[in-house]
N, C-alpha and C. Protein backbone atom coordinates (compact mmCIF):
# COMPACT_ATOMS: atom_id res chain seq x y z
N UNK A 1 111.88 87.95 111.02
CA UNK A 1 111.32 87.99 109.84
C UNK A 1 112.83 88.21 108.88
N UNK A 2 112.11 87.31 107.66
CA UNK A 2 112.41 87.48 106.62
C UNK A 2 112.66 88.43 105.83
N UNK A 3 113.37 88.73 104.78
CA UNK A 3 113.06 89.82 104.10
C UNK A 3 112.13 89.65 103.22
N UNK A 4 112.06 88.38 102.36
CA UNK A 4 110.75 88.00 101.53
C UNK A 4 109.67 88.85 102.50
N UNK A 5 109.60 88.39 103.49
CA UNK A 5 108.53 88.21 104.90
C UNK A 5 107.90 90.18 104.09
N UNK A 6 109.08 90.63 105.15
CA UNK A 6 108.89 92.48 105.22
C UNK A 6 108.57 92.58 103.72
N UNK A 7 109.46 92.08 102.65
CA UNK A 7 108.60 92.79 101.25
C UNK A 7 107.45 92.66 100.79
N UNK A 8 107.28 91.20 101.52
CA UNK A 8 105.19 91.08 101.20
C UNK A 8 104.54 91.88 102.03
N UNK A 9 104.76 91.71 103.16
CA UNK A 9 104.34 92.94 103.85
C UNK A 9 104.15 94.30 103.30
N UNK A 10 105.27 94.83 102.78
CA UNK A 10 104.85 96.36 102.29
C UNK A 10 104.14 96.01 101.25
N UNK A 11 104.30 94.92 99.77
CA UNK A 11 103.69 95.30 98.83
C UNK A 11 101.83 94.90 99.37
N UNK A 12 101.50 94.28 100.70
CA UNK A 12 100.11 93.92 101.05
C UNK A 12 99.66 95.60 101.43
N UNK A 13 100.16 96.29 102.16
CA UNK A 13 99.94 97.21 102.63
C UNK A 13 99.70 98.45 101.18
N UNK A 14 100.49 98.13 100.31
CA UNK A 14 100.14 98.51 98.74
C UNK A 14 98.95 98.71 98.47
N UNK A 15 98.90 96.85 98.47
CA UNK A 15 97.70 96.68 97.46
C UNK A 15 96.20 96.56 98.70
N UNK A 16 96.57 97.45 99.69
CA UNK A 16 95.34 97.20 100.69
C UNK A 16 94.72 98.96 100.15
N UNK A 17 95.67 99.96 100.20
CA UNK A 17 94.83 100.96 99.53
C UNK A 17 93.96 101.47 100.42
N UNK A 18 93.19 101.90 99.78
CA UNK A 18 92.39 102.78 100.13
C UNK A 18 90.91 101.43 100.39
N UNK A 19 90.74 100.33 100.76
CA UNK A 19 90.08 99.35 100.48
C UNK A 19 89.75 98.40 99.55
N UNK A 20 90.49 96.77 100.02
CA UNK A 20 90.16 96.17 98.91
C UNK A 20 89.87 94.81 99.76
N UNK A 21 89.52 93.58 99.56
CA UNK A 21 89.72 92.44 100.41
C UNK A 21 90.29 91.80 99.92
N UNK A 22 90.59 90.87 101.12
CA UNK A 22 91.76 89.58 101.31
C UNK A 22 92.44 89.00 99.98
N UNK A 23 91.11 88.71 99.25
CA UNK A 23 91.01 88.33 98.27
C UNK A 23 91.96 88.52 97.01
N UNK A 24 90.99 89.96 96.63
CA UNK A 24 91.79 90.90 95.56
C UNK A 24 93.20 90.76 96.12
N UNK A 25 93.90 91.34 97.73
CA UNK A 25 94.82 91.28 98.19
C UNK A 25 96.11 90.16 97.54
N UNK A 26 95.26 89.42 97.60
CA UNK A 26 95.65 87.75 97.21
C UNK A 26 96.66 87.77 95.48
N UNK A 27 95.25 88.19 94.95
CA UNK A 27 95.29 87.86 93.36
C UNK A 27 96.55 89.07 93.01
N UNK A 28 96.64 89.72 93.60
CA UNK A 28 97.70 91.00 93.28
C UNK A 28 99.49 90.53 94.28
N UNK A 29 99.28 89.89 95.04
CA UNK A 29 100.51 89.38 95.87
C UNK A 29 101.01 88.29 94.64
N UNK A 30 100.48 87.19 94.45
CA UNK A 30 100.43 85.74 93.86
C UNK A 30 99.81 85.82 92.42
N UNK A 31 100.59 85.13 91.74
CA UNK A 31 100.05 85.60 90.07
C UNK A 31 99.44 83.80 90.24
N UNK A 32 97.72 84.33 90.27
CA UNK A 32 96.81 83.27 90.29
C UNK A 32 96.59 82.43 88.83
N UNK A 33 96.79 83.00 87.63
CA UNK A 33 96.99 82.17 86.64
C UNK A 33 97.72 81.29 86.54
N UNK A 34 98.95 80.76 87.60
CA UNK A 34 99.83 79.96 87.22
C UNK A 34 99.38 78.92 88.85
N UNK A 35 98.51 79.28 89.54
CA UNK A 35 98.08 78.08 90.53
C UNK A 35 97.00 77.53 90.80
N UNK A 36 97.23 76.16 90.95
CA UNK A 36 95.98 75.55 91.24
C UNK A 36 94.92 75.86 92.40
N UNK A 37 93.74 75.94 91.87
CA UNK A 37 92.98 75.86 93.46
C UNK A 37 93.37 75.57 94.47
N UNK A 38 94.03 74.57 95.07
CA UNK A 38 94.60 74.11 95.78
C UNK A 38 95.69 75.16 96.19
N UNK A 39 96.95 75.80 95.79
CA UNK A 39 97.62 76.50 95.99
C UNK A 39 96.80 77.81 95.95
N UNK A 40 95.91 78.26 95.09
CA UNK A 40 95.12 79.85 95.75
C UNK A 40 94.99 79.70 96.71
N UNK A 41 94.32 78.58 97.49
CA UNK A 41 93.98 78.73 98.46
C UNK A 41 95.01 78.89 99.98
N UNK A 42 96.50 78.25 99.63
CA UNK A 42 97.01 78.48 100.35
C UNK A 42 97.54 79.90 100.66
N UNK A 43 97.61 80.79 98.93
CA UNK A 43 98.11 81.94 98.76
C UNK A 43 97.03 83.03 99.41
N UNK A 44 95.60 82.46 99.58
CA UNK A 44 94.50 83.43 100.12
C UNK A 44 94.85 83.27 102.04
N UNK A 45 95.33 82.38 102.43
CA UNK A 45 95.55 81.88 103.76
C UNK A 45 96.80 82.71 104.08
N UNK A 46 97.95 82.31 103.28
CA UNK A 46 98.84 83.49 103.58
C UNK A 46 98.72 84.68 103.63
N UNK A 47 98.19 85.41 102.55
CA UNK A 47 98.07 86.74 102.32
C UNK A 47 96.67 87.22 103.67
N UNK A 48 95.90 86.50 104.16
CA UNK A 48 94.84 86.51 105.36
C UNK A 48 95.95 86.53 106.91
N UNK A 49 96.84 85.96 106.87
CA UNK A 49 97.73 86.45 108.03
C UNK A 49 98.57 87.40 107.98
N UNK A 50 99.39 87.72 106.79
CA UNK A 50 99.76 88.73 106.83
C UNK A 50 99.12 90.10 107.06
N UNK A 51 97.44 90.17 106.49
CA UNK A 51 97.14 90.97 107.04
C UNK A 51 96.63 91.13 108.11
N UNK A 52 96.42 89.86 109.36
CA UNK A 52 96.13 89.67 110.43
C UNK A 52 97.28 90.81 111.48
N UNK A 53 98.58 90.63 110.81
CA UNK A 53 99.70 91.01 111.64
C UNK A 53 99.57 92.58 111.60
N UNK A 54 99.45 93.37 110.23
CA UNK A 54 99.57 93.97 109.91
C UNK A 54 98.52 94.53 110.80
N UNK A 55 97.43 94.19 110.70
CA UNK A 55 96.42 95.02 111.74
C UNK A 55 96.17 94.75 112.95
N UNK A 56 97.46 93.89 113.73
CA UNK A 56 97.74 94.36 114.59
C UNK A 56 99.07 95.20 115.29
N UNK A 57 99.70 95.51 113.87
CA UNK A 57 101.03 96.93 113.99
C UNK A 57 100.19 97.69 113.98
N UNK A 58 98.87 97.75 113.38
CA UNK A 58 98.10 99.09 113.03
C UNK A 58 98.55 99.93 112.00
N UNK A 59 98.73 99.04 110.86
CA UNK A 59 98.98 99.34 109.53
C UNK A 59 97.68 99.17 109.01
N UNK A 60 97.06 98.60 109.25
CA UNK A 60 95.83 98.52 108.19
C UNK A 60 94.55 98.10 109.47
N UNK A 61 93.64 98.02 108.93
CA UNK A 61 92.30 97.77 109.54
C UNK A 61 91.10 97.13 108.83
N UNK A 62 90.28 96.60 109.52
CA UNK A 62 89.50 95.06 109.47
C UNK A 62 88.45 96.32 109.09
N UNK A 63 87.72 96.32 108.09
CA UNK A 63 86.45 97.41 108.19
C UNK A 63 84.63 96.29 107.73
N UNK A 64 85.24 95.08 107.38
CA UNK A 64 83.63 94.25 107.15
C UNK A 64 84.24 93.00 107.24
N UNK A 65 84.32 92.50 108.44
CA UNK A 65 84.35 91.08 108.89
C UNK A 65 83.42 89.52 108.27
N UNK A 66 82.81 90.06 107.41
CA UNK A 66 82.27 89.07 106.56
C UNK A 66 82.61 88.83 105.49
N UNK A 67 83.35 90.02 105.02
CA UNK A 67 84.10 90.08 103.64
C UNK A 67 85.57 90.30 103.77
N UNK A 68 85.97 90.12 104.71
CA UNK A 68 87.36 90.28 104.56
C UNK A 68 88.34 91.42 104.33
N UNK A 69 87.52 92.10 104.27
CA UNK A 69 87.55 93.70 103.66
C UNK A 69 88.70 94.43 104.94
N UNK A 70 90.04 94.84 103.83
CA UNK A 70 90.72 95.92 104.77
C UNK A 70 90.91 97.13 103.84
N UNK A 71 91.60 98.08 104.93
CA UNK A 71 92.26 99.44 104.56
C UNK A 71 93.54 99.90 105.16
N UNK A 72 94.28 100.62 104.71
CA UNK A 72 95.43 101.09 105.22
C UNK A 72 94.73 102.39 105.93
N UNK A 73 95.70 102.70 107.03
CA UNK A 73 95.38 103.15 107.88
C UNK A 73 96.25 104.32 108.00
């Protein structure tokens, strides 16, 4: 895993905090003001991939599968 991915994973855990949706977390990780709608979708998918990895590592858990809501453990 590259340094950029490790840093983004750490920022992702921080952004999750006591609870946030995948969209909320993506907006923290990526500057949506500078992204097109197409790029926002890629940012959301990348965020979801990071969150799924963190769930597998036991760092966060998904609390609502309908809204992609997560919280830190």
